[in-house]
Amino acid sequence: MNALVVGCLGQDGSYLTEHLKARGVAVYGLGRQGLHLPDGTLEPDVSIGNILLELRPERIFHLAAYHHSAEEMMRDDGEIMRRSVEVHVLGLLAFLEAMHIHSLESRLFYAASSHVFGTPRQTPQDENTPMDALCPYGITKAAGVQLCRMYRHRHRLYCSVGFLYNHESPRRRSHFLSRKIVQAAVAIHRGEKRQLVLGNLEAQVDWGYAPEYVDAMVRILELDRPDDFIIASGSLHRVRDFVAEVFDQVGLDWRDHVSVDPSVLKKQELPGTKVGDYSRLHRETGWAPTTNLARLAAILVQAELEQDI
């Protein structure tokens, strides 16, 4: 079997590539520089149509994403929307069209997001929760979901959707909240920093572990029929809880080192509680998360401590 991972250099793409290779799958990766071959070489400027025509991959994982954190400097909404449409909608459309023309037997997984639900109308959310996105990331991810549904029903393509909730790992970039907290705690532990300033400690998050979530993606494409699935931990924790677990890992009381400044948040946080009900996924594939918040914090902190060893 061969597989194509779109967005192969990101957190999920890198873990998915490793997961698939461990199963004996020949993995091709598509990133900004071109097509990464299983032998480690790179082919730049390869068209999507030619890739699918030549490879006819049994599995395609569309993980490419454009987003920014709540604490990054605000960019122009129009620019963010244009970039989001390019990645989440037009990029996906190119693959669906290429599948329709060149590779009808391929199976595609599209990584959607809990952001498609906007301010959720129900808690927890499941696959029937109405999409009501209110930000460029969510709006364009929702459009991607609808594209998958259209090609699934109109052209009988096998294209499944995963609504992914927050999932973290040591491979998160430093502007993500989880990584920012871990890096600060380790720096304070080492005496390199004194204080961590956050925008909101009371925000509630459904946090999971990225390597487990890519396993869910693989399982979804092994089903006989395509469908939509929530991929989530099903548990809510305040940012305060995560901060406490992280600082505890380095033997510090977070209350001595963390302060709150709402002005740190550069974009408005949406009201509502986002927590996913993964029962359909569990029922269909047997998947369930096993890494709780304390274990997640321990994994992230240990990896950060080992970086400079």
Protein backbone atom coordinates (compact mmCIF):
# COMPACT_ATOMS: atom_id res chain seq x y z
CA MET A 1 0.00 0.00 0.00
CA ASN A 2 1.10 3.57 -0.62
CA ALA A 3 -0.17 6.76 0.96
CA LEU A 4 0.08 10.49 0.28
CA VAL A 5 0.27 12.84 3.26
CA VAL A 6 -0.59 16.45 2.34
CA GLY A 7 0.96 18.71 4.94
CA CYS A 8 3.64 16.15 5.74
CA LEU A 9 5.93 18.52 7.64
CA GLY A 10 3.40 19.67 10.23
CA GLN A 11 2.77 18.12 13.64
CA ASP A 12 0.11 15.69 12.45
CA GLY A 13 1.78 15.01 9.13
CA SER A 14 5.06 13.99 10.72
CA TYR A 15 3.42 11.68 13.26
CA LEU A 16 1.15 10.20 10.60
CA THR A 17 4.12 9.52 8.33
CA GLU A 18 5.90 7.64 11.11
CA HIS A 19 2.72 5.75 12.02
CA LEU A 20 2.15 4.62 8.43
CA LYS A 21 5.78 3.64 7.85
CA ALA A 22 5.67 1.47 10.97
CA ARG A 23 2.78 -0.39 9.32
CA GLY A 24 4.82 -1.03 6.18
CA VAL A 25 3.14 1.66 4.08
CA ALA A 26 5.14 3.50 1.40
CA VAL A 27 4.56 7.15 2.31
CA TYR A 28 4.81 10.08 -0.08
CA GLY A 29 4.61 13.52 1.48
CA LEU A 30 3.45 16.76 -0.10
CA GLY A 31 4.68 19.99 1.42
CA ARG A 32 5.41 23.54 0.32
CA GLN A 33 8.64 22.50 -1.40
CA GLY A 34 7.12 19.67 -3.42
CA LEU A 35 6.72 15.90 -3.27
CA HIS A 36 8.79 14.02 -0.69
CA LEU A 37 9.50 10.46 -1.84
CA PRO A 38 9.81 7.40 0.44
CA ASP A 39 13.58 7.33 -0.12
CA GLY A 40 13.91 10.86 1.26
CA THR A 41 14.40 12.68 -2.04
CA LEU A 42 12.35 15.69 -3.13
CA GLU A 43 10.59 16.38 -6.43
CA PRO A 44 9.64 20.09 -6.70
CA ASP A 45 6.89 21.51 -8.90
CA VAL A 46 4.85 18.33 -9.33
CA SER A 47 1.18 18.81 -10.22
CA ILE A 48 -1.53 17.15 -8.16
CA GLY A 49 -3.02 15.52 -11.24
CA ASN A 50 0.30 13.96 -12.19
CA ILE A 51 0.92 12.79 -8.62
CA LEU A 52 -2.37 10.92 -8.47
CA LEU A 53 -2.10 9.65 -12.05
CA GLU A 54 1.33 8.16 -11.40
CA LEU A 55 1.00 7.05 -7.78
CA ARG A 56 -2.70 6.20 -7.53
CA PRO A 57 -2.33 6.25 -3.75
CA GLU A 58 -4.68 4.02 -1.82
CA ARG A 59 -4.79 6.59 0.98
CA ILE A 60 -4.69 10.41 0.85
CA PHE A 61 -4.56 12.42 4.07
CA HIS A 62 -5.30 16.11 3.54
CA LEU A 63 -3.87 17.69 6.68
CA ALA A 64 -2.70 21.02 5.26
CA ALA A 65 -3.86 23.96 7.36
CA TYR A 66 -3.41 27.71 7.64
CA HIS A 67 -4.10 29.21 11.04
CA HIS A 68 -2.66 31.45 13.75
CA SER A 69 -2.99 31.47 17.51
CA ALA A 70 -5.06 33.81 19.67
CA GLU A 71 -1.89 35.47 20.92
CA GLU A 72 -0.28 36.18 17.55
CA MET A 73 -0.45 39.64 16.04
CA MET A 74 -3.71 40.15 14.18
CA ARG A 75 -3.42 40.13 10.40
CA ASP A 76 -5.92 41.62 7.99
CA ASP A 77 -9.11 39.50 7.92
CA GLY A 78 -9.15 39.57 4.14
CA GLU A 79 -5.60 38.21 3.94
CA ILE A 80 -6.36 35.47 6.45
CA MET A 81 -9.50 34.49 4.56
CA ARG A 82 -7.74 34.38 1.20
CA ARG A 83 -4.94 32.18 2.55
CA SER A 84 -7.45 29.96 4.33
CA VAL A 85 -9.52 29.51 1.16
CA GLU A 86 -6.38 28.60 -0.81
CA VAL A 87 -5.38 25.87 1.63
CA HIS A 88 -8.63 24.51 3.08
CA VAL A 89 -10.92 24.82 0.05
CA LEU A 90 -9.08 25.22 -3.26
CA GLY A 91 -6.28 22.87 -2.27
CA LEU A 92 -8.78 20.22 -1.23
CA LEU A 93 -10.86 20.79 -4.37
CA ALA A 94 -7.80 20.10 -6.52
CA PHE A 95 -7.36 16.72 -4.86
CA LEU A 96 -11.03 15.77 -5.11
CA GLU A 97 -11.08 16.66 -8.81
CA ALA A 98 -7.86 14.75 -9.42
CA MET A 99 -9.30 11.72 -7.59
CA HIS A 100 -12.45 11.93 -9.69
CA ILE A 101 -10.44 11.99 -12.94
CA HIS A 102 -7.38 9.86 -12.19
CA SER A 103 -7.79 7.79 -9.04
CA LEU A 104 -11.32 6.71 -8.22
CA GLU A 105 -10.14 3.97 -5.89
CA SER A 106 -8.22 6.33 -3.60
CA ARG A 107 -9.58 7.06 -0.13
CA LEU A 108 -9.21 10.60 1.23
CA PHE A 109 -9.24 11.86 4.81
CA TYR A 110 -9.91 15.57 5.35
CA ALA A 111 -8.78 17.15 8.62
CA ALA A 112 -11.55 19.51 9.68
CA SER A 113 -11.73 21.26 13.04
CA SER A 114 -13.94 21.93 16.04
CA HIS A 115 -13.84 25.57 14.88
CA VAL A 116 -16.49 24.73 12.27
CA PHE A 117 -19.03 24.71 15.10
CA GLY A 118 -18.39 28.35 16.03
CA THR A 119 -20.42 28.96 19.17
CA PRO A 120 -21.78 25.41 19.57
CA ARG A 121 -25.52 24.94 19.89
CA GLN A 122 -25.05 21.77 21.91
CA THR A 123 -22.53 20.32 24.35
CA PRO A 124 -20.85 17.98 23.65
CA GLN A 125 -20.74 18.27 19.88
CA ASP A 126 -21.24 15.28 17.63
CA GLU A 127 -21.32 14.69 13.89
CA ASN A 128 -24.85 16.10 13.64
CA THR A 129 -24.08 19.39 15.39
CA PRO A 130 -24.81 22.26 12.96
CA MET A 131 -21.76 24.03 11.60
CA ASP A 132 -21.85 27.74 12.46
CA ALA A 133 -18.29 28.96 11.95
CA LEU A 134 -17.43 32.55 12.87
CA CYS A 135 -13.73 32.83 11.96
CA PRO A 136 -11.82 32.42 8.67
CA TYR A 137 -10.25 29.15 9.81
CA GLY A 138 -13.60 27.66 10.80
CA ILE A 139 -15.49 29.02 7.80
CA THR A 140 -13.04 27.57 5.28
CA LYS A 141 -12.71 24.26 7.11
CA ALA A 142 -16.52 24.03 7.06
CA ALA A 143 -16.44 24.66 3.30
CA GLY A 144 -13.96 21.80 3.01
CA VAL A 145 -16.35 19.54 4.89
CA GLN A 146 -19.17 20.43 2.50
CA LEU A 147 -16.91 19.77 -0.50
CA CYS A 148 -16.15 16.29 0.81
CA ARG A 149 -19.83 15.62 1.31
CA MET A 150 -20.65 16.84 -2.20
CA TYR A 151 -18.02 14.65 -3.88
CA ARG A 152 -18.98 11.74 -1.68
CA HIS A 153 -22.62 11.86 -2.73
CA ARG A 154 -22.39 13.25 -6.27
CA HIS A 155 -19.34 11.36 -7.49
CA ARG A 156 -19.24 8.43 -5.04
CA LEU A 157 -15.71 9.27 -3.95
CA TYR A 158 -14.43 7.84 -0.71
CA CYS A 159 -13.73 11.00 1.28
CA SER A 160 -14.11 10.99 5.06
CA VAL A 161 -13.94 13.91 7.46
CA GLY A 162 -12.44 14.14 10.92
CA PHE A 163 -13.47 17.03 13.17
CA LEU A 164 -10.28 17.39 15.19
CA TYR A 165 -10.28 19.02 18.60
CA ASN A 166 -7.13 20.39 20.28
CA HIS A 167 -4.35 17.82 20.15
CA GLU A 168 -0.85 18.58 21.33
CA SER A 169 2.67 17.16 21.19
CA PRO A 170 6.31 18.26 21.52
CA ARG A 171 6.18 19.08 17.80
CA ARG A 172 3.77 21.97 18.24
CA ARG A 173 5.23 25.30 17.16
CA SER A 174 6.09 27.73 19.94
CA HIS A 175 3.19 30.12 19.25
CA PHE A 176 0.63 27.46 20.24
CA LEU A 177 -0.65 27.83 23.79
CA SER A 178 0.41 24.39 25.02
CA ARG A 179 3.98 24.81 23.77
CA LYS A 180 4.19 28.37 25.07
CA ILE A 181 3.25 27.21 28.57
CA VAL A 182 5.68 24.29 28.54
CA GLN A 183 8.58 26.36 27.21
CA ALA A 184 7.98 29.04 29.83
CA ALA A 185 7.77 26.55 32.71
CA VAL A 186 11.05 24.90 31.70
CA ALA A 187 12.74 28.29 31.23
CA ILE A 188 11.59 29.41 34.70
CA HIS A 189 12.77 26.10 36.14
CA ARG A 190 16.22 26.75 34.63
CA GLY A 191 16.33 30.33 35.87
CA GLU A 192 16.19 31.73 32.35
CA LYS A 193 12.82 33.42 32.85
CA ARG A 194 10.78 34.68 35.78
CA GLN A 195 7.18 35.07 34.65
CA LEU A 196 4.59 33.73 32.21
CA VAL A 197 1.76 36.03 31.11
CA LEU A 198 -1.41 34.45 29.70
CA GLY A 199 -4.60 35.97 28.40
CA ASN A 200 -7.20 33.67 29.99
CA LEU A 201 -6.80 30.92 32.56
CA GLU A 202 -10.48 30.01 32.69
CA ALA A 203 -10.92 29.01 29.04
CA GLN A 204 -11.95 25.35 28.76
CA VAL A 205 -10.24 23.09 26.25
CA ASP A 206 -10.76 19.53 24.99
CA TRP A 207 -7.08 18.47 24.92
CA GLY A 208 -5.70 15.29 23.36
CA TYR A 209 -2.38 13.76 22.27
CA ALA A 210 -1.50 14.09 18.57
CA PRO A 211 -0.02 10.58 17.95
CA GLU A 212 -3.32 9.06 19.10
CA TYR A 213 -5.29 11.31 16.78
CA VAL A 214 -3.36 10.27 13.66
CA ASP A 215 -4.13 6.66 14.57
CA ALA A 216 -7.82 7.63 14.43
CA MET A 217 -7.32 9.03 10.92
CA VAL A 218 -5.86 5.75 9.70
CA ARG A 219 -8.67 3.73 11.26
CA ILE A 220 -11.31 5.94 9.64
CA LEU A 221 -10.01 5.14 6.13
CA GLU A 222 -10.09 1.42 6.89
CA LEU A 223 -13.90 1.45 7.18
CA ASP A 224 -16.04 0.07 4.38
CA ARG A 225 -17.86 3.37 3.86
CA PRO A 226 -16.79 7.02 4.16
CA ASP A 227 -18.33 9.14 6.91
CA ASP A 228 -17.78 12.08 9.27
CA PHE A 229 -16.25 11.58 12.72
CA ILE A 230 -15.46 13.59 15.83
CA ILE A 231 -11.85 13.07 17.01
CA ALA A 232 -11.62 14.38 20.55
CA SER A 233 -10.77 13.46 24.13
CA GLY A 234 -14.33 14.05 25.32
CA SER A 235 -12.98 15.80 28.45
CA LEU A 236 -12.79 19.48 29.34
CA HIS A 237 -9.99 21.12 31.30
CA ARG A 238 -9.35 24.76 32.08
CA VAL A 239 -6.12 26.34 30.90
CA ARG A 240 -5.44 26.78 34.62
CA ASP A 241 -5.50 22.97 35.06
CA PHE A 242 -2.99 22.44 32.26
CA VAL A 243 -0.71 25.17 33.62
CA ALA A 244 -0.78 23.55 37.07
CA GLU A 245 0.12 20.13 35.65
CA VAL A 246 2.99 21.53 33.60
CA PHE A 247 4.54 23.53 36.43
CA ASP A 248 4.12 20.58 38.77
CA GLN A 249 6.29 18.54 36.38
CA VAL A 250 9.22 20.91 37.06
CA GLY A 251 8.54 21.18 40.79
CA LEU A 252 7.10 24.69 40.77
CA ASP A 253 3.88 26.26 42.04
CA TRP A 254 2.38 27.95 38.99
CA ARG A 255 0.76 30.63 41.15
CA ASP A 256 4.20 32.06 41.89
CA HIS A 257 5.05 32.51 38.22
CA VAL A 258 1.90 33.03 36.14
CA SER A 259 -0.09 36.24 35.71
CA VAL A 260 -3.09 37.16 33.57
CA ASP A 261 -3.34 40.02 31.09
CA PRO A 262 -6.37 39.87 28.75
CA SER A 263 -4.66 42.27 26.33
CA VAL A 264 -2.30 39.41 25.40
CA LEU A 265 -5.14 37.93 23.34
CA LYS A 266 -4.98 39.43 19.85
CA LYS A 267 -8.20 37.90 18.57
CA GLN A 268 -11.57 37.54 20.20
CA GLU A 269 -12.34 34.24 21.89
CA LEU A 270 -15.68 32.79 20.89
CA PRO A 271 -18.21 31.96 23.61
CA GLY A 272 -19.41 28.42 24.07
CA THR A 273 -17.85 25.16 25.14
CA LYS A 274 -16.13 23.00 22.55
CA VAL A 275 -15.91 19.38 23.67
CA GLY A 276 -16.33 16.44 21.33
CA ASP A 277 -18.37 13.27 21.57
CA TYR A 278 -16.23 10.59 19.91
CA SER A 279 -18.72 7.76 20.48
CA ARG A 280 -19.38 7.17 16.75
CA LEU A 281 -15.64 6.84 16.14
CA HIS A 282 -15.30 4.44 19.06
CA ARG A 283 -18.28 2.40 17.93
CA GLU A 284 -17.07 2.11 14.32
CA THR A 285 -13.31 1.69 14.85
CA GLY A 286 -12.70 0.90 18.53
CA TRP A 287 -10.62 4.08 18.90
CA ALA A 288 -10.49 5.85 22.26
CA PRO A 289 -7.99 8.31 23.75
CA THR A 290 -5.71 6.98 26.48
CA THR A 291 -3.48 9.97 27.36
CA ASN A 292 -4.98 12.10 30.14
CA LEU A 293 -4.02 15.68 30.94
CA ALA A 294 -1.38 14.78 33.53
CA ARG A 295 0.31 12.32 31.18
CA LEU A 296 0.16 14.81 28.32
CA ALA A 297 1.83 17.47 30.46
CA ALA A 298 4.53 14.99 31.49
CA ILE A 299 5.27 14.06 27.85
CA LEU A 300 5.53 17.69 26.76
CA VAL A 301 7.71 18.78 29.66
CA GLN A 302 10.07 15.81 29.37
CA ALA A 303 10.58 16.49 25.67
CA GLU A 304 11.30 20.16 26.38
CA LEU A 305 13.80 19.29 29.10
CA GLU A 306 15.61 16.93 26.76
CA GLN A 307 15.94 19.41 23.89
CA ASP A 308 19.22 20.94 25.08
CA ILE A 309 20.76 17.74 26.46
